[in-house]
Amino acid sequence: MGLTLQAVTEPDTIRNYELGFKSRLGDGRVNLNVAAYRLEWQDIPGSVLFDCAFSNLVNAGDATGEGVEFELVGRLSEAWKVNLAASYNDLTYDDNVLPAIGAPGDRVVGSPAKNYSAGLEYGFDLTERWAGWARADWAYVGSLSSELSSLPIESYDTVNVRFGLVQDNLSIELFGRNVTDEQGVTRIEPLPFGGDYVLIRPREVGIEVRYSYK
């Protein structure tokens, strides 16, 4: 007689309803994208700690929310290019959420309400054979809820820079990621699971060399 194994949790499902538009302006020099959406997340998986000190992954309830997104990419001149983006969402738990995960109306854990980003790029000809470009990007991640309601996660921003040279199939790029060495937190584990802080990657500086075969 065989043993039948049953999954502890059912798969979660997400329904996303979106309305938006994409447009080109200024003789194609500017691309503008705008969207609004509604998201319905059912059977959210979450860890629950029992009195016996054991934990289990369960379907913890549902969440619903609306949001908007904006993106603009424009060429200021032959050499300069800029991009801007912003988003806002209001994703909160429904009435059936388990108390161990959150309370009805609370923002879903790990879901920042606001995100912004901006980038600027400059391209140039260094010699007849070598072309170059320099780029800087800034990103902002808004504050968010953690599984420890008394310890909300603060907002943070990062800056990335990159300088590259290209000749035919060869490219050489010097990059710096999180150049300000921001110690942003993405998650705080509940105390019964260790209470660890999960940080973004620290400052990285390096060189990338690529060669493509055609």
Protein backbone atom coordinates (compact mmCIF):
# COMPACT_ATOMS: atom_id res chain seq x y z
CA MET A 1 0.00 0.00 0.00
CA GLY A 2 1.64 3.27 -1.15
CA LEU A 3 2.03 6.40 0.94
CA THR A 4 0.27 9.50 -0.35
CA LEU A 5 2.07 12.78 0.31
CA GLN A 6 0.11 16.02 0.40
CA ALA A 7 1.53 19.50 -0.06
CA VAL A 8 1.45 21.64 3.08
CA THR A 9 0.50 24.71 1.05
CA GLU A 10 -1.42 25.33 -2.12
CA PRO A 11 0.20 27.41 -4.90
CA ASP A 12 -0.47 31.13 -4.57
CA THR A 13 -2.12 32.96 -7.46
CA ILE A 14 -1.85 36.55 -8.69
CA ARG A 15 -4.35 38.34 -10.89
CA ASN A 16 -3.15 41.59 -12.39
CA TYR A 17 -5.42 44.00 -14.28
CA GLU A 18 -3.50 46.75 -16.07
CA LEU A 19 -4.41 49.77 -18.19
CA GLY A 20 -1.81 52.04 -19.74
CA PHE A 21 -0.25 53.51 -22.84
CA LYS A 22 3.09 53.80 -24.57
CA SER A 23 3.90 56.78 -26.73
CA ARG A 24 6.69 58.39 -28.72
CA LEU A 25 7.10 62.15 -28.66
CA GLY A 26 9.41 64.70 -30.22
CA ASP A 27 9.99 62.82 -33.48
CA GLY A 28 10.82 59.66 -31.58
CA ARG A 29 13.35 61.25 -29.23
CA VAL A 30 11.19 60.65 -26.15
CA ASN A 31 9.47 57.41 -25.09
CA LEU A 32 6.77 57.75 -22.42
CA ASN A 33 5.10 54.79 -20.71
CA VAL A 34 2.32 55.12 -18.09
CA ALA A 35 0.28 52.33 -16.50
CA ALA A 36 -2.24 51.84 -13.68
CA TYR A 37 -3.04 48.42 -12.30
CA ARG A 38 -4.96 46.41 -9.73
CA LEU A 39 -3.35 43.33 -8.15
CA GLU A 40 -5.14 40.48 -6.35
CA TRP A 41 -2.82 38.05 -4.55
CA GLN A 42 -4.44 34.93 -3.13
CA ASP A 43 -3.06 32.21 -0.80
CA ILE A 44 0.09 34.13 0.14
CA PRO A 45 2.72 31.74 1.56
CA GLY A 46 4.04 32.63 5.01
CA SER A 47 5.91 31.03 7.91
CA VAL A 48 4.00 30.48 11.15
CA LEU A 49 5.70 29.64 14.46
CA PHE A 50 3.78 27.29 16.76
CA ASP A 51 3.90 27.11 20.58
CA CYS A 52 5.99 23.95 20.32
CA ALA A 53 8.76 26.06 18.65
CA PHE A 54 8.26 24.38 15.27
CA SER A 55 7.43 26.47 12.22
CA ASN A 56 5.57 25.68 9.05
CA LEU A 57 4.90 27.28 5.68
CA VAL A 58 1.18 27.89 5.22
CA ASN A 59 -1.23 29.83 3.04
CA ALA A 60 -1.53 32.95 5.17
CA GLY A 61 -4.34 34.84 3.43
CA ASP A 62 -4.91 37.28 0.59
CA ALA A 63 -3.88 40.82 -0.37
CA THR A 64 -5.26 43.44 -2.73
CA GLY A 65 -3.86 46.70 -4.00
CA GLU A 66 -3.64 49.30 -6.74
CA GLY A 67 -0.63 51.04 -8.22
CA VAL A 68 0.70 53.31 -10.93
CA GLU A 69 3.95 53.30 -12.92
CA PHE A 70 5.67 55.98 -14.99
CA GLU A 71 8.71 55.70 -17.24
CA LEU A 72 10.38 58.25 -19.53
CA VAL A 73 13.41 57.71 -21.76
CA GLY A 74 14.61 60.70 -23.73
CA ARG A 75 17.50 61.74 -25.91
CA LEU A 76 18.50 65.31 -25.03
CA SER A 77 21.03 65.47 -27.88
CA GLU A 78 23.12 63.12 -29.97
CA ALA A 79 25.42 62.63 -26.99
CA TRP A 80 23.11 62.83 -23.96
CA LYS A 81 20.37 60.41 -22.92
CA VAL A 82 18.22 60.52 -19.77
CA ASN A 83 15.74 58.12 -18.16
CA LEU A 84 13.28 58.66 -15.30
CA ALA A 85 10.94 56.19 -13.59
CA ALA A 86 8.57 56.21 -10.62
CA SER A 87 6.03 53.81 -9.16
CA TYR A 88 3.55 53.73 -6.29
CA ASN A 89 1.47 50.85 -4.97
CA ASP A 90 -0.90 50.27 -2.07
CA LEU A 91 -0.78 46.50 -1.55
CA THR A 92 -2.42 45.57 1.79
CA TYR A 93 -3.63 42.41 3.50
CA ASP A 94 -7.30 41.42 3.27
CA ASP A 95 -9.54 40.47 6.21
CA ASN A 96 -8.61 36.76 6.07
CA VAL A 97 -4.88 37.22 6.79
CA LEU A 98 -3.43 35.17 9.65
CA PRO A 99 -2.45 37.28 12.72
CA ALA A 100 1.03 35.69 12.67
CA ILE A 101 1.66 37.29 9.27
CA GLY A 102 -0.04 40.66 9.55
CA ALA A 103 -3.26 42.50 10.24
CA PRO A 104 -6.03 43.47 7.80
CA GLY A 105 -5.13 46.76 6.15
CA ASP A 106 -1.38 46.45 6.87
CA ARG A 107 1.01 46.85 3.96
CA VAL A 108 2.29 43.52 2.67
CA VAL A 109 5.70 42.69 4.12
CA GLY A 110 8.54 43.47 1.70
CA SER A 111 6.40 45.70 -0.56
CA PRO A 112 7.68 49.31 -0.69
CA ALA A 113 5.05 51.91 -1.54
CA LYS A 114 7.41 54.13 -3.54
CA ASN A 115 10.25 53.52 -5.97
CA TYR A 116 12.10 56.16 -7.99
CA SER A 117 15.03 55.98 -10.38
CA ALA A 118 16.94 58.31 -12.71
CA GLY A 119 19.84 57.85 -15.09
CA LEU A 120 22.04 60.01 -17.27
CA GLU A 121 24.32 58.79 -20.06
CA TYR A 122 26.87 60.59 -22.24
CA GLY A 123 28.33 59.06 -25.40
CA PHE A 124 31.37 60.31 -27.31
CA ASP A 125 34.00 59.35 -29.89
CA LEU A 126 37.42 58.99 -28.28
CA THR A 127 39.33 58.24 -31.51
CA GLU A 128 38.41 57.13 -35.00
CA ARG A 129 38.28 53.53 -33.79
CA TRP A 130 37.21 53.86 -30.16
CA ALA A 131 33.82 55.09 -28.94
CA GLY A 132 33.16 55.77 -25.28
CA TRP A 133 30.30 56.39 -22.88
CA ALA A 134 29.78 57.29 -19.25
CA ARG A 135 26.65 56.63 -17.22
CA ALA A 136 25.31 57.30 -13.71
CA ASP A 137 22.15 55.80 -12.20
CA TRP A 138 20.33 56.62 -8.97
CA ALA A 139 17.59 54.46 -7.42
CA TYR A 140 15.39 55.06 -4.37
CA VAL A 141 13.50 52.30 -2.53
CA GLY A 142 10.85 53.50 -0.10
CA SER A 143 10.30 52.30 3.45
CA LEU A 144 8.51 49.01 3.93
CA SER A 145 7.02 46.77 6.59
CA SER A 146 8.95 43.90 8.13
CA GLU A 147 7.71 40.77 9.85
CA LEU A 148 8.62 42.57 13.09
CA SER A 149 5.94 45.26 13.18
CA SER A 150 7.93 47.25 15.74
CA LEU A 151 10.91 47.50 13.35
CA PRO A 152 9.89 49.07 10.03
CA ILE A 153 12.55 49.03 7.33
CA GLU A 154 13.82 52.50 6.40
CA SER A 155 14.09 53.78 2.84
CA TYR A 156 17.46 53.84 1.08
CA ASP A 157 18.99 54.93 -2.20
CA THR A 158 21.90 53.66 -4.29
CA VAL A 159 24.17 55.15 -6.96
CA ASN A 160 25.81 53.15 -9.75
CA VAL A 161 28.35 54.49 -12.25
CA ARG A 162 29.87 52.97 -15.36
CA PHE A 163 32.46 54.07 -17.95
CA GLY A 164 33.02 52.10 -21.14
CA LEU A 165 35.11 51.98 -24.30
CA VAL A 166 34.03 50.08 -27.41
CA GLN A 167 35.94 49.08 -30.53
CA ASP A 168 34.31 46.72 -33.02
CA ASN A 169 33.73 43.47 -31.08
CA LEU A 170 35.69 44.51 -27.99
CA SER A 171 34.35 46.47 -25.02
CA ILE A 172 36.08 47.46 -21.79
CA GLU A 173 33.97 48.77 -18.91
CA LEU A 174 34.87 50.14 -15.50
CA PHE A 175 31.95 50.02 -13.08
CA GLY A 176 31.00 50.95 -9.54
CA ARG A 177 27.83 49.62 -7.91
CA ASN A 178 26.44 51.17 -4.73
CA VAL A 179 29.36 53.57 -4.77
CA THR A 180 28.22 55.31 -1.58
CA ASP A 181 28.24 51.92 0.19
CA GLU A 182 24.65 52.33 1.37
CA GLN A 183 23.65 49.69 3.94
CA GLY A 184 20.04 49.30 2.87
CA VAL A 185 17.92 46.62 4.54
CA THR A 186 15.63 44.48 2.39
CA ARG A 187 14.25 42.17 5.10
CA ILE A 188 14.30 41.54 8.85
CA GLU A 189 13.78 37.94 9.88
CA PRO A 190 11.39 37.36 12.82
CA LEU A 191 13.16 36.89 16.16
CA PRO A 192 12.19 33.20 16.48
CA PHE A 193 13.93 32.61 13.11
CA GLY A 194 17.11 34.46 14.09
CA GLY A 195 16.18 38.15 13.77
CA ASP A 196 18.76 38.60 10.98
CA TYR A 197 18.98 41.74 8.85
CA VAL A 198 19.25 41.07 5.10
CA LEU A 199 21.28 43.86 3.48
CA ILE A 200 21.76 44.95 -0.11
CA ARG A 201 25.11 44.21 -1.73
CA PRO A 202 27.94 46.46 -0.48
CA ARG A 203 30.06 48.67 -2.73
CA GLU A 204 31.50 46.87 -5.77
CA VAL A 205 34.17 48.18 -8.13
CA GLY A 206 35.48 46.22 -11.08
CA ILE A 207 36.36 45.93 -14.74
CA GLU A 208 34.46 43.94 -17.35
CA VAL A 209 36.02 42.96 -20.68
CA ARG A 210 33.79 41.51 -23.39
CA TYR A 211 34.55 40.19 -26.84
CA SER A 212 31.80 39.07 -29.18
CA TYR A 213 32.34 36.69 -32.09
CA LYS A 214 30.38 37.54 -35.21
